[in-house]
C-alpha atoms as a PDB file:
ATOM      1  CA  MET A   1     -21.872 141.085  85.562  1.00  0.00           C
ATOM      2  CA  ARG A   2     -21.377 137.385  84.748  1.00  0.00           C
ATOM      3  CA  LYS A   3     -20.231 138.169  81.161  1.00  0.00           C
ATOM      4  CA  SER A   4     -17.802 140.771  82.435  1.00  0.00           C
ATOM      5  CA  SER A   5     -16.264 138.280  84.893  1.00  0.00           C
ATOM      6  CA  LEU A   6     -15.788 135.645  82.196  1.00  0.00           C
ATOM      7  CA  TRP A   7     -14.143 138.204  79.944  1.00  0.00           C
ATOM      8  CA  LEU A   8     -11.708 139.216  82.652  1.00  0.00           C
ATOM      9  CA  ARG A   9     -10.775 135.572  83.242  1.00  0.00           C
ATOM     10  CA  PHE A  10     -10.165 135.056  79.534  1.00  0.00           C
ATOM     11  CA  ALA A  11      -7.988 138.166  79.343  1.00  0.00           C
ATOM     12  CA  TYR A  12      -5.973 137.032  82.398  1.00  0.00           C
ATOM     13  CA  CYS A  13      -5.292 133.543  80.947  1.00  0.00           C
ATOM     14  CA  LEU A  14      -4.297 135.039  77.601  1.00  0.00           C
ATOM     15  CA  GLY A  15      -1.846 137.404  79.301  1.00  0.00           C
ATOM     16  CA  VAL A  16      -0.150 134.609  81.284  1.00  0.00           C
ATOM     17  CA  THR A  17       0.174 132.487  78.111  1.00  0.00           C
ATOM     18  CA  LEU A  18       1.818 135.354  76.216  1.00  0.00           C
ATOM     19  CA  LEU A  19       4.293 135.989  79.084  1.00  0.00           C
ATOM     20  CA  LEU A  20       5.329 132.308  79.203  1.00  0.00           C
ATOM     21  CA  PHE A  21       5.876 132.247  75.435  1.00  0.00           C
ATOM     22  CA  ALA A  22       7.974 135.423  75.537  1.00  0.00           C
ATOM     23  CA  GLY A  23      10.153 134.095  78.381  1.00  0.00           C
ATOM     24  CA  THR A  24      10.838 130.838  76.554  1.00  0.00           C
ATOM     25  CA  TRP A  25      11.784 132.703  73.363  1.00  0.00           C
ATOM     26  CA  TYR A  26      14.137 135.031  75.297  1.00  0.00           C
ATOM     27  CA  PHE A  27      16.107 132.274  77.016  1.00  0.00           C
ATOM     28  CA  GLN A  28      16.445 130.294  73.803  1.00  0.00           C
ATOM     29  CA  LYS A  29      17.926 133.356  72.126  1.00  0.00           C
ATOM     30  CA  SER A  30      20.236 134.257  75.008  1.00  0.00           C
ATOM     31  CA  GLU A  31      21.808 130.826  75.707  1.00  0.00           C
ATOM     32  CA  THR A  32      25.310 129.990  74.444  1.00  0.00           C
ATOM     33  CA  PRO A  33      25.094 128.834  70.830  1.00  0.00           C
ATOM     34  CA  PRO A  34      26.325 125.327  70.031  1.00  0.00           C
ATOM     35  CA  TRP A  35      29.871 124.766  68.626  1.00  0.00           C
ATOM     36  CA  LYS A  36      29.917 124.928  64.845  1.00  0.00           C
ATOM     37  CA  GLN A  37      33.075 122.936  64.157  1.00  0.00           C
ATOM     38  CA  SER A  38      31.906 119.366  64.049  1.00  0.00           C
ATOM     39  CA  GLY A  39      29.040 119.138  66.451  1.00  0.00           C
ATOM     40  CA  GLN A  40      31.099 116.795  68.662  1.00  0.00           C
ATOM     41  CA  ILE A  41      32.710 117.403  72.055  1.00  0.00           C
ATOM     42  CA  PRO A  42      36.509 117.460  71.601  1.00  0.00           C
ATOM     43  CA  LYS A  43      38.324 114.484  73.137  1.00  0.00           C
ATOM     44  CA  LEU A  44      41.302 114.695  75.475  1.00  0.00           C
ATOM     45  CA  PRO A  45      44.483 113.058  74.157  1.00  0.00           C
ATOM     46  CA  SER A  46      44.920 109.462  75.195  1.00  0.00           C
ATOM     47  CA  PRO A  47      47.478 108.781  77.964  1.00  0.00           C
ATOM     48  CA  GLU A  48      50.064 107.492  75.489  1.00  0.00           C
ATOM     49  CA  ASN A  49      49.809 110.701  73.439  1.00  0.00           C
ATOM     50  CA  ARG A  50      50.009 113.145  76.341  1.00  0.00           C
ATOM     51  CA  PRO A  51      53.273 115.014  77.022  1.00  0.00           C
ATOM     52  CA  ASN A  52      55.656 112.975  79.154  1.00  0.00           C
ATOM     53  CA  ILE A  53      56.213 115.334  82.114  1.00  0.00           C
ATOM     54  CA  SER A  54      58.549 113.974  84.751  1.00  0.00           C
ATOM     55  CA  VAL A  55      57.495 114.403  88.362  1.00  0.00           C
ATOM     56  CA  SER A  56      60.962 115.821  89.091  1.00  0.00           C
ATOM     57  CA  ASP A  57      60.224 118.725  86.745  1.00  0.00           C
ATOM     58  CA  HIS A  58      57.794 120.083  89.310  1.00  0.00           C
ATOM     59  CA  ASP A  59      58.792 118.359  92.547  1.00  0.00           C
ATOM     60  CA  PRO A  60      62.565 118.620  93.075  1.00  0.00           C
ATOM     61  CA  THR A  61      64.106 116.232  95.585  1.00  0.00           C
ATOM     62  CA  PRO A  62      63.597 117.654  99.086  1.00  0.00           C
ATOM     63  CA  PHE A  63      66.760 118.303 101.088  1.00  0.00           C
ATOM     64  CA  ARG A  64      67.902 119.778 104.386  1.00  0.00           C
ATOM     65  CA  PHE A  65      70.779 122.233 104.553  1.00  0.00           C
ATOM     66  CA  VAL A  66      72.672 123.153 107.718  1.00  0.00           C
ATOM     67  CA  SER A  67      75.069 126.067 108.180  1.00  0.00           C
ATOM     68  CA  TYR A  68      77.307 125.743 111.225  1.00  0.00           C
ATOM     69  CA  ASN A  69      80.284 127.560 112.724  1.00  0.00           C
ATOM     70  CA  LEU A  70      82.196 124.776 114.481  1.00  0.00           C
ATOM     71  CA  LYS A  71      84.280 127.098 116.709  1.00  0.00           C
ATOM     72  CA  ASN A  72      87.814 126.286 115.667  1.00  0.00           C
ATOM     73  CA  TRP A  73      87.794 122.675 114.538  1.00  0.00           C
ATOM     74  CA  LEU A  74      91.472 123.035 113.697  1.00  0.00           C
ATOM     75  CA  THR A  75      93.141 119.703 114.321  1.00  0.00           C
ATOM     76  CA  SER A  76      96.222 120.573 112.303  1.00  0.00           C
ATOM     77  CA  SER A  77      97.052 123.891 113.966  1.00  0.00           C
ATOM     78  CA  GLN A  78      94.826 124.643 116.929  1.00  0.00           C
ATOM     79  CA  ASN A  79      95.862 125.721 120.382  1.00  0.00           C
ATOM     80  CA  PRO A  80      94.324 124.715 122.665  1.00  0.00           C
ATOM     81  CA  ASP A  81      93.032 121.476 121.245  1.00  0.00           C
ATOM     82  CA  LYS A  82      89.333 121.121 120.524  1.00  0.00           C
ATOM     83  CA  SER A  83      88.159 118.597 123.070  1.00  0.00           C
ATOM     84  CA  PRO A  84      86.775 115.180 122.116  1.00  0.00           C
ATOM     85  CA  GLU A  85      83.602 116.121 124.004  1.00  0.00           C
ATOM     86  CA  SER A  86      83.116 119.190 121.813  1.00  0.00           C
ATOM     87  CA  LYS A  87      83.686 117.220 118.621  1.00  0.00           C
ATOM     88  CA  SER A  88      81.299 114.510 119.781  1.00  0.00           C
ATOM     89  CA  ALA A  89      78.596 117.105 120.505  1.00  0.00           C
ATOM     90  CA  ILE A  90      79.010 118.606 116.999  1.00  0.00           C
ATOM     91  CA  ILE A  91      78.747 115.207 115.349  1.00  0.00           C
ATOM     92  CA  ASP A  92      75.667 114.407 117.431  1.00  0.00           C
ATOM     93  CA  ILE A  93      73.996 117.697 116.429  1.00  0.00           C
ATOM     94  CA  LEU A  94      74.773 117.254 112.731  1.00  0.00           C
ATOM     95  CA  THR A  95      73.744 113.598 112.671  1.00  0.00           C
ATOM     96  CA  SER A  96      70.442 114.181 114.454  1.00  0.00           C
ATOM     97  CA  SER A  97      69.620 117.065 112.096  1.00  0.00           C
ATOM     98  CA  GLY A  98      69.328 114.638 109.174  1.00  0.00           C
ATOM     99  CA  ALA A  99      70.947 117.220 106.888  1.00  0.00           C
ATOM    100  CA  GLU A 100      71.952 116.107 103.396  1.00  0.00           C
ATOM    101  CA  ILE A 101      74.221 119.155 102.885  1.00  0.00           C
ATOM    102  CA  ILE A 102      76.303 120.896 105.575  1.00  0.00           C
ATOM    103  CA  GLY A 103      78.191 124.178 105.223  1.00  0.00           C
ATOM    104  CA  LEU A 104      81.074 124.486 107.696  1.00  0.00           C
ATOM    105  CA  SER A 105      82.720 127.635 109.059  1.00  0.00           C
ATOM    106  CA  GLU A 106      85.849 127.816 111.251  1.00  0.00           C
ATOM    107  CA  ILE A 107      87.165 124.554 109.899  1.00  0.00           C
ATOM    108  CA  GLY A 108      90.917 124.086 109.572  1.00  0.00           C
ATOM    109  CA  SER A 109      92.670 122.165 106.818  1.00  0.00           C
ATOM    110  CA  GLU A 110      91.207 119.706 104.354  1.00  0.00           C
ATOM    111  CA  ALA A 111      92.176 117.003 106.836  1.00  0.00           C
ATOM    112  CA  ASP A 112      89.762 118.564 109.328  1.00  0.00           C
ATOM    113  CA  VAL A 113      86.911 118.430 106.794  1.00  0.00           C
ATOM    114  CA  LEU A 114      87.745 114.784 106.155  1.00  0.00           C
ATOM    115  CA  GLU A 115      87.724 114.109 109.898  1.00  0.00           C
ATOM    116  CA  VAL A 116      84.215 115.569 110.230  1.00  0.00           C
ATOM    117  CA  GLN A 117      83.143 113.516 107.220  1.00  0.00           C
ATOM    118  CA  PHE A 118      84.618 110.335 108.709  1.00  0.00           C
ATOM    119  CA  LEU A 119      83.019 110.833 112.134  1.00  0.00           C
ATOM    120  CA  LEU A 120      79.634 111.567 110.545  1.00  0.00           C
ATOM    121  CA  LYS A 121      79.852 108.364 108.529  1.00  0.00           C
ATOM    122  CA  GLN A 122      80.691 106.408 111.678  1.00  0.00           C
ATOM    123  CA  ALA A 123      77.555 107.912 113.237  1.00  0.00           C
ATOM    124  CA  GLY A 124      75.454 106.797 110.245  1.00  0.00           C
ATOM    125  CA  ARG A 125      75.460 110.023 108.184  1.00  0.00           C
ATOM    126  CA  ASP A 126      77.316 109.380 104.925  1.00  0.00           C
ATOM    127  CA  LEU A 127      78.115 112.592 103.013  1.00  0.00           C
ATOM    128  CA  PRO A 128      80.648 111.417 100.416  1.00  0.00           C
ATOM    129  CA  TYR A 129      81.161 114.683  98.509  1.00  0.00           C
ATOM    130  CA  PHE A 130      83.102 117.632  99.931  1.00  0.00           C
ATOM    131  CA  HIS A 131      84.905 120.867  99.127  1.00  0.00           C
ATOM    132  CA  HIS A 132      87.407 122.893 101.149  1.00  0.00           C
ATOM    133  CA  THR A 133      88.606 126.435 100.451  1.00  0.00           C
ATOM    134  CA  GLY A 134      89.955 129.541 102.145  1.00  0.00           C
ATOM    135  CA  GLY A 135      91.413 133.027 101.902  1.00  0.00           C
ATOM    136  CA  THR A 136      94.334 134.838 103.448  1.00  0.00           C
ATOM    137  CA  ASP A 137      93.702 133.408 106.934  1.00  0.00           C
ATOM    138  CA  PRO A 138      96.139 130.479 107.128  1.00  0.00           C
ATOM    139  CA  ILE A 139      94.167 128.733 109.890  1.00  0.00           C
ATOM    140  CA  ARG A 140      90.386 129.127 109.496  1.00  0.00           C
ATOM    141  CA  HIS A 141      88.688 127.998 106.292  1.00  0.00           C
ATOM    142  CA  LEU A 142      85.340 127.019 104.794  1.00  0.00           C
ATOM    143  CA  GLY A 143      84.061 123.553 103.919  1.00  0.00           C
ATOM    144  CA  ILE A 144      80.952 121.818 102.652  1.00  0.00           C
ATOM    145  CA  LEU A 145      79.792 118.207 102.821  1.00  0.00           C
ATOM    146  CA  SER A 146      77.045 116.724 100.640  1.00  0.00           C
ATOM    147  CA  ARG A 147      75.111 113.537 100.060  1.00  0.00           C
ATOM    148  CA  PHE A 148      74.550 114.728  96.483  1.00  0.00           C
ATOM    149  CA  PRO A 149      77.238 115.107  93.806  1.00  0.00           C
ATOM    150  CA  ILE A 150      79.168 118.360  93.635  1.00  0.00           C
ATOM    151  CA  THR A 151      79.220 119.045  89.896  1.00  0.00           C
ATOM    152  CA  SER A 152      81.193 122.294  89.905  1.00  0.00           C
ATOM    153  CA  LYS A 153      83.749 123.965  92.193  1.00  0.00           C
ATOM    154  CA  GLN A 154      84.591 127.601  91.543  1.00  0.00           C
ATOM    155  CA  GLN A 155      87.487 129.565  93.012  1.00  0.00           C
ATOM    156  CA  PRO A 156      86.291 133.199  93.245  1.00  0.00           C
ATOM    157  CA  GLU A 157      88.911 135.933  93.430  1.00  0.00           C
ATOM    158  CA  ILE A 158      89.769 136.713  97.063  1.00  0.00           C
ATOM    159  CA  THR A 159      91.580 140.003  96.405  1.00  0.00           C
ATOM    160  CA  ILE A 160      89.246 142.959  96.966  1.00  0.00           C
ATOM    161  CA  PRO A 161      89.783 145.404  94.070  1.00  0.00           C
ATOM    162  CA  ASN A 162      91.061 148.921  94.785  1.00  0.00           C
ATOM    163  CA  THR A 163      92.025 148.021  98.350  1.00  0.00           C
ATOM    164  CA  GLN A 164      94.931 146.467 100.191  1.00  0.00           C
ATOM    165  CA  HIS A 165      92.656 143.776 101.594  1.00  0.00           C
ATOM    166  CA  SER A 166      91.523 140.274 100.661  1.00  0.00           C
ATOM    167  CA  MET A 167      88.789 137.918 101.815  1.00  0.00           C
ATOM    168  CA  GLN A 168      90.232 136.400 104.977  1.00  0.00           C
ATOM    169  CA  ARG A 169      88.265 133.133 104.720  1.00  0.00           C
ATOM    170  CA  GLY A 170      87.600 133.299 100.991  1.00  0.00           C
ATOM    171  CA  ILE A 171      84.344 132.518  99.192  1.00  0.00           C
ATOM    172  CA  LEU A 172      83.140 128.935  98.870  1.00  0.00           C
ATOM    173  CA  ASP A 173      81.295 128.382  95.596  1.00  0.00           C
ATOM    174  CA  VAL A 174      79.982 124.970  94.562  1.00  0.00           C
ATOM    175  CA  THR A 175      77.124 123.661  92.448  1.00  0.00           C
ATOM    176  CA  ILE A 176      75.341 120.549  93.694  1.00  0.00           C
ATOM    177  CA  GLU A 177      73.028 118.348  91.637  1.00  0.00           C
ATOM    178  CA  ILE A 178      69.960 117.399  93.663  1.00  0.00           C
ATOM    179  CA  GLY A 179      67.440 115.097  92.007  1.00  0.00           C
ATOM    180  CA  GLY A 180      68.403 116.158  88.492  1.00  0.00           C
ATOM    181  CA  LYS A 181      68.382 119.878  89.312  1.00  0.00           C
ATOM    182  CA  THR A 182      71.257 122.096  90.408  1.00  0.00           C
ATOM    183  CA  THR A 183      71.565 124.448  93.373  1.00  0.00           C
ATOM    184  CA  ARG A 184      74.509 126.765  93.855  1.00  0.00           C
ATOM    185  CA  PHE A 185      75.959 127.351  97.324  1.00  0.00           C
ATOM    186  CA  ILE A 186      77.979 130.425  98.326  1.00  0.00           C
ATOM    187  CA  GLY A 187      79.668 130.015 101.722  1.00  0.00           C
ATOM    188  CA  LEU A 188      80.923 133.051 103.662  1.00  0.00           C
ATOM    189  CA  HIS A 189      82.637 133.822 106.948  1.00  0.00           C
ATOM    190  CA  LEU A 190      83.174 137.568 107.254  1.00  0.00           C
ATOM    191  CA  LYS A 191      85.669 139.343 109.481  1.00  0.00           C
ATOM    192  CA  SER A 192      84.794 139.040 113.162  1.00  0.00           C
ATOM    193  CA  LYS A 193      84.187 141.980 115.507  1.00  0.00           C
ATOM    194  CA  ARG A 194      87.440 141.244 117.295  1.00  0.00           C
ATOM    195  CA  ILE A 195      89.443 144.464 117.289  1.00  0.00           C
ATOM    196  CA  VAL A 196      92.852 144.282 115.596  1.00  0.00           C
ATOM    197  CA  PRO A 197      95.571 146.968 115.419  1.00  0.00           C
ATOM    198  CA  ASP A 198      96.203 146.725 111.668  1.00  0.00           C
ATOM    199  CA  PHE A 199      92.806 147.881 110.338  1.00  0.00           C
ATOM    200  CA  ASN A 200      89.210 148.694 111.216  1.00  0.00           C
ATOM    201  CA  GLU A 201      87.333 145.400 111.522  1.00  0.00           C
ATOM    202  CA  ALA A 202      83.945 146.933 110.627  1.00  0.00           C
ATOM    203  CA  GLU A 203      85.305 148.509 107.454  1.00  0.00           C
ATOM    204  CA  LEU A 204      86.917 145.247 106.361  1.00  0.00           C
ATOM    205  CA  ARG A 205      83.661 143.371 106.985  1.00  0.00           C
ATOM    206  CA  ILE A 206      81.838 145.835 104.719  1.00  0.00           C
ATOM    207  CA  LEU A 207      84.512 145.477 102.023  1.00  0.00           C
ATOM    208  CA  GLU A 208      84.231 141.680 102.209  1.00  0.00           C
ATOM    209  CA  ALA A 209      80.436 141.925 101.985  1.00  0.00           C
ATOM    210  CA  GLU A 210      80.666 144.172  98.906  1.00  0.00           C
ATOM    211  CA  HIS A 211      83.073 141.755  97.246  1.00  0.00           C
ATOM    212  CA  ALA A 212      80.811 138.779  98.022  1.00  0.00           C
ATOM    213  CA  ARG A 213      77.752 140.656  96.743  1.00  0.00           C
ATOM    214  CA  LYS A 214      79.472 141.407  93.430  1.00  0.00           C
ATOM    215  CA  HIS A 215      80.111 137.680  93.048  1.00  0.00           C
ATOM    216  CA  ILE A 216      76.440 136.941  93.753  1.00  0.00           C
ATOM    217  CA  ASP A 217      75.421 139.592  91.206  1.00  0.00           C
ATOM    218  CA  SER A 218      77.680 138.027  88.579  1.00  0.00           C
ATOM    219  CA  ILE A 219      75.859 134.702  89.038  1.00  0.00           C
ATOM    220  CA  LEU A 220      72.317 136.070  88.957  1.00  0.00           C
ATOM    221  CA  SER A 221      73.023 138.432  86.058  1.00  0.00           C
ATOM    222  CA  GLN A 222      73.891 135.416  83.905  1.00  0.00           C
ATOM    223  CA  ASN A 223      70.838 133.457  85.019  1.00  0.00           C
ATOM    224  CA  PRO A 224      68.263 135.169  87.275  1.00  0.00           C
ATOM    225  CA  GLU A 225      66.514 131.806  87.814  1.00  0.00           C
ATOM    226  CA  THR A 226      69.545 130.218  89.462  1.00  0.00           C
ATOM    227  CA  HIS A 227      68.696 128.356  92.649  1.00  0.00           C
ATOM    228  CA  LEU A 228      71.221 130.129  94.865  1.00  0.00           C
ATOM    229  CA  ILE A 229      71.953 129.871  98.582  1.00  0.00           C
ATOM    230  CA  ALA A 230      74.359 132.308 100.261  1.00  0.00           C
ATOM    231  CA  TYR A 231      75.032 131.328 103.837  1.00  0.00           C
ATOM    232  CA  GLY A 232      77.438 131.411 106.726  1.00  0.00           C
ATOM    233  CA  ASP A 233      78.717 133.447 109.634  1.00  0.00           C
ATOM    234  CA  PHE A 234      78.190 137.077 108.586  1.00  0.00           C
ATOM    235  CA  ASN A 235      79.510 138.279 111.970  1.00  0.00           C
ATOM    236  CA  ASP A 236      76.963 141.074 112.240  1.00  0.00           C
ATOM    237  CA  HIS A 237      73.238 141.511 112.770  1.00  0.00           C
ATOM    238  CA  ILE A 238      70.469 141.776 110.166  1.00  0.00           C
ATOM    239  CA  GLU A 239      70.380 145.603 110.130  1.00  0.00           C
ATOM    240  CA  SER A 240      74.143 146.058 109.785  1.00  0.00           C
ATOM    241  CA  LEU A 241      75.547 147.588 106.615  1.00  0.00           C
ATOM    242  CA  SER A 242      77.625 144.504 105.840  1.00  0.00           C
ATOM    243  CA  THR A 243      74.683 142.100 106.117  1.00  0.00           C
ATOM    244  CA  LYS A 244      72.406 144.408 104.128  1.00  0.00           C
ATOM    245  CA  THR A 245      75.092 144.595 101.448  1.00  0.00           C
ATOM    246  CA  ILE A 246      75.072 140.811 101.031  1.00  0.00           C
ATOM    247  CA  LEU A 247      71.278 140.740 100.863  1.00  0.00           C
ATOM    248  CA  GLY A 248      71.135 143.487  98.222  1.00  0.00           C
ATOM    249  CA  ASN A 249      68.314 145.826  97.274  1.00  0.00           C
ATOM    250  CA  TYR A 250      65.027 144.617  98.759  1.00  0.00           C
ATOM    251  CA  ARG A 251      63.076 145.713  95.671  1.00  0.00           C
ATOM    252  CA  SER A 252      65.506 144.083  93.263  1.00  0.00           C
ATOM    253  CA  PRO A 253      64.774 140.675  91.684  1.00  0.00           C
ATOM    254  CA  ASP A 254      68.320 139.724  92.765  1.00  0.00           C
ATOM    255  CA  TYR A 255      67.561 140.258  96.458  1.00  0.00           C
ATOM    256  CA  MET A 256      68.763 137.402  98.671  1.00  0.00           C
ATOM    257  CA  THR A 257      66.032 136.684 101.211  1.00  0.00           C
ATOM    258  CA  PRO A 258      67.231 135.777 104.727  1.00  0.00           C
ATOM    259  CA  VAL A 259      65.223 132.735 105.803  1.00  0.00           C
ATOM    260  CA  PRO A 260      63.375 133.419 109.087  1.00  0.00           C
ATOM    261  CA  ILE A 261      64.483 130.963 111.746  1.00  0.00           C
ATOM    262  CA  GLU A 262      63.894 130.402 115.441  1.00  0.00           C
ATOM    263  CA  ASP A 263      64.357 127.699 118.054  1.00  0.00           C
ATOM    264  CA  GLN A 264      61.612 125.725 119.754  1.00  0.00           C
ATOM    265  CA  ARG A 265      61.083 128.565 122.262  1.00  0.00           C
ATOM    266  CA  GLY A 266      60.750 131.183 119.541  1.00  0.00           C
ATOM    267  CA  GLU A 267      64.212 132.697 120.169  1.00  0.00           C
ATOM    268  CA  LYS A 268      66.268 133.773 117.162  1.00  0.00           C
ATOM    269  CA  TRP A 269      69.850 134.196 118.366  1.00  0.00           C
ATOM    270  CA  THR A 270      72.576 132.004 116.882  1.00  0.00           C
ATOM    271  CA  TYR A 271      75.712 133.164 118.726  1.00  0.00           C
ATOM    272  CA  PHE A 272      76.652 133.500 122.388  1.00  0.00           C
ATOM    273  CA  TYR A 273      79.537 135.874 123.182  1.00  0.00           C
ATOM    274  CA  SER A 274      80.474 134.760 126.675  1.00  0.00           C
ATOM    275  CA  THR A 275      82.889 137.648 127.370  1.00  0.00           C
ATOM    276  CA  GLN A 276      80.051 140.166 127.157  1.00  0.00           C
ATOM    277  CA  ASP A 277      77.242 137.746 128.069  1.00  0.00           C
ATOM    278  CA  ASN A 278      75.647 138.665 124.737  1.00  0.00           C
ATOM    279  CA  TYR A 279      73.288 136.687 122.491  1.00  0.00           C
ATOM    280  CA  ASP A 280      73.013 137.714 118.837  1.00  0.00           C
ATOM    281  CA  ARG A 281      71.848 136.557 115.386  1.00  0.00           C
ATOM    282  CA  ILE A 282      74.873 136.647 113.085  1.00  0.00           C
ATOM    283  CA  ASP A 283      74.464 133.373 111.149  1.00  0.00           C
ATOM    284  CA  PHE A 284      72.252 133.385 108.063  1.00  0.00           C
ATOM    285  CA  ILE A 285      70.956 131.261 105.222  1.00  0.00           C
ATOM    286  CA  THR A 286      69.715 133.438 102.358  1.00  0.00           C
ATOM    287  CA  VAL A 287      68.020 132.342  99.145  1.00  0.00           C
ATOM    288  CA  SER A 288      67.446 133.727  95.669  1.00  0.00           C
ATOM    289  CA  LYS A 289      63.979 134.620  94.423  1.00  0.00           C
ATOM    290  CA  SER A 290      63.591 131.394  92.414  1.00  0.00           C
ATOM    291  CA  LEU A 291      64.379 129.212  95.432  1.00  0.00           C
ATOM    292  CA  LYS A 292      62.277 131.090  97.973  1.00  0.00           C
ATOM    293  CA  PRO A 293      58.974 129.281  97.134  1.00  0.00           C
ATOM    294  CA  HIS A 294      60.617 125.922  97.901  1.00  0.00           C
ATOM    295  CA  ILE A 295      61.365 126.672 101.562  1.00  0.00           C
ATOM    296  CA  ASP A 296      59.665 124.257 103.941  1.00  0.00           C
ATOM    297  CA  ARG A 297      59.117 126.573 106.879  1.00  0.00           C
ATOM    298  CA  ALA A 298      57.653 123.851 109.077  1.00  0.00           C
ATOM    299  CA  SER A 299      61.003 122.025 109.169  1.00  0.00           C
ATOM    300  CA  THR A 300      63.253 125.104 109.239  1.00  0.00           C
ATOM    301  CA  ARG A 301      64.790 125.938 112.602  1.00  0.00           C
ATOM    302  CA  ILE A 302      67.710 126.802 114.851  1.00  0.00           C
ATOM    303  CA  ILE A 303      69.010 123.533 116.282  1.00  0.00           C
ATOM    304  CA  ASP A 304      68.898 124.015 120.053  1.00  0.00           C
ATOM    305  CA  THR A 305      69.621 120.596 121.489  1.00  0.00           C
ATOM    306  CA  PRO A 306      70.892 120.763 125.103  1.00  0.00           C
ATOM    307  CA  ASN A 307      74.508 120.040 124.106  1.00  0.00           C
ATOM    308  CA  TRP A 308      74.818 123.058 121.788  1.00  0.00           C
ATOM    309  CA  ILE A 309      77.018 124.996 124.242  1.00  0.00           C
ATOM    310  CA  GLN A 310      79.395 122.063 124.546  1.00  0.00           C
ATOM    311  CA  ALA A 311      79.754 121.943 120.772  1.00  0.00           C
ATOM    312  CA  SER A 312      80.315 125.583 119.788  1.00  0.00           C
ATOM    313  CA  ASP A 313      79.585 129.203 120.655  1.00  0.00           C
ATOM    314  CA  HIS A 314      77.248 129.189 117.629  1.00  0.00           C
ATOM    315  CA  ARG A 315      74.039 127.257 117.119  1.00  0.00           C
ATOM    316  CA  ALA A 316      73.531 125.398 113.862  1.00  0.00           C
ATOM    317  CA  ILE A 317      70.741 126.662 111.589  1.00  0.00           C
ATOM    318  CA  MET A 318      68.810 124.376 109.258  1.00  0.00           C
ATOM    319  CA  VAL A 319      66.560 125.172 106.298  1.00  0.00           C
ATOM    320  CA  SER A 320      64.523 122.460 104.580  1.00  0.00           C
ATOM    321  CA  PHE A 321      63.598 122.715 100.910  1.00  0.00           C
ATOM    322  CA  GLN A 322      60.733 120.989  99.106  1.00  0.00           C
END
């Protein structure tokens, strides 16, 4: 019995030894083999030999853009006059927004744009670059003010092909250089819902939207990566045919995304039609696919300071970009 027990112990120890040897051999065979090039770990390039990548290549200068219908700031031709109180409220809203670029709708002549620019500068907001344009409407036009240089001003065709109509307020088209990069701005103010005897206002709004969309397509077809903003008073809601026409095909890479906005209470209307006691969202800032990732949603909002109603029947909308 004693010899049998010793034999079993010997067999057990031998078995454990063989298992340990086999495990060690297996892991040595299965580990990643060493590099065969030089036997040395490759070194990273020294700082002086690394590519010189500018911070601005990846972090464009942040800016705030405001789109605002001023409700007939028409010093040169208005009747009745826009009150000093209304103008003061507009300047206060625009100054407090901190916007570096402001797109204006329902502005009169170039002198009116210059007046807004002058009053903003008096209030401490210096936007030295501007552009003013229009369509067949002799009174209401479009304007833009910028802290950054306007490097290009285009004059898109206002005549709508194959119709007897033209863009009433035209198409504003400027390129602005922001921190070494360019962003293109397309300003629009489509036909209002006010009924007129000469034509169907809804049909004209759709025709204007189609004409504006063709201009947007011409830009993005040349360079799909263009940082493009199309904005303004579209004079209809998000599900209307005219607004959808400007936005384009949702599944297309050329789709213009409407930036979601709301005020501090979570409300999304931008226009108050007092005659019908109606609140609606008809003002939009839309962006191309390449610009969409740069939206700073935390600082994007409808400006709803208490004096908004004194300033205009629209509320200014602001989108921040990083």
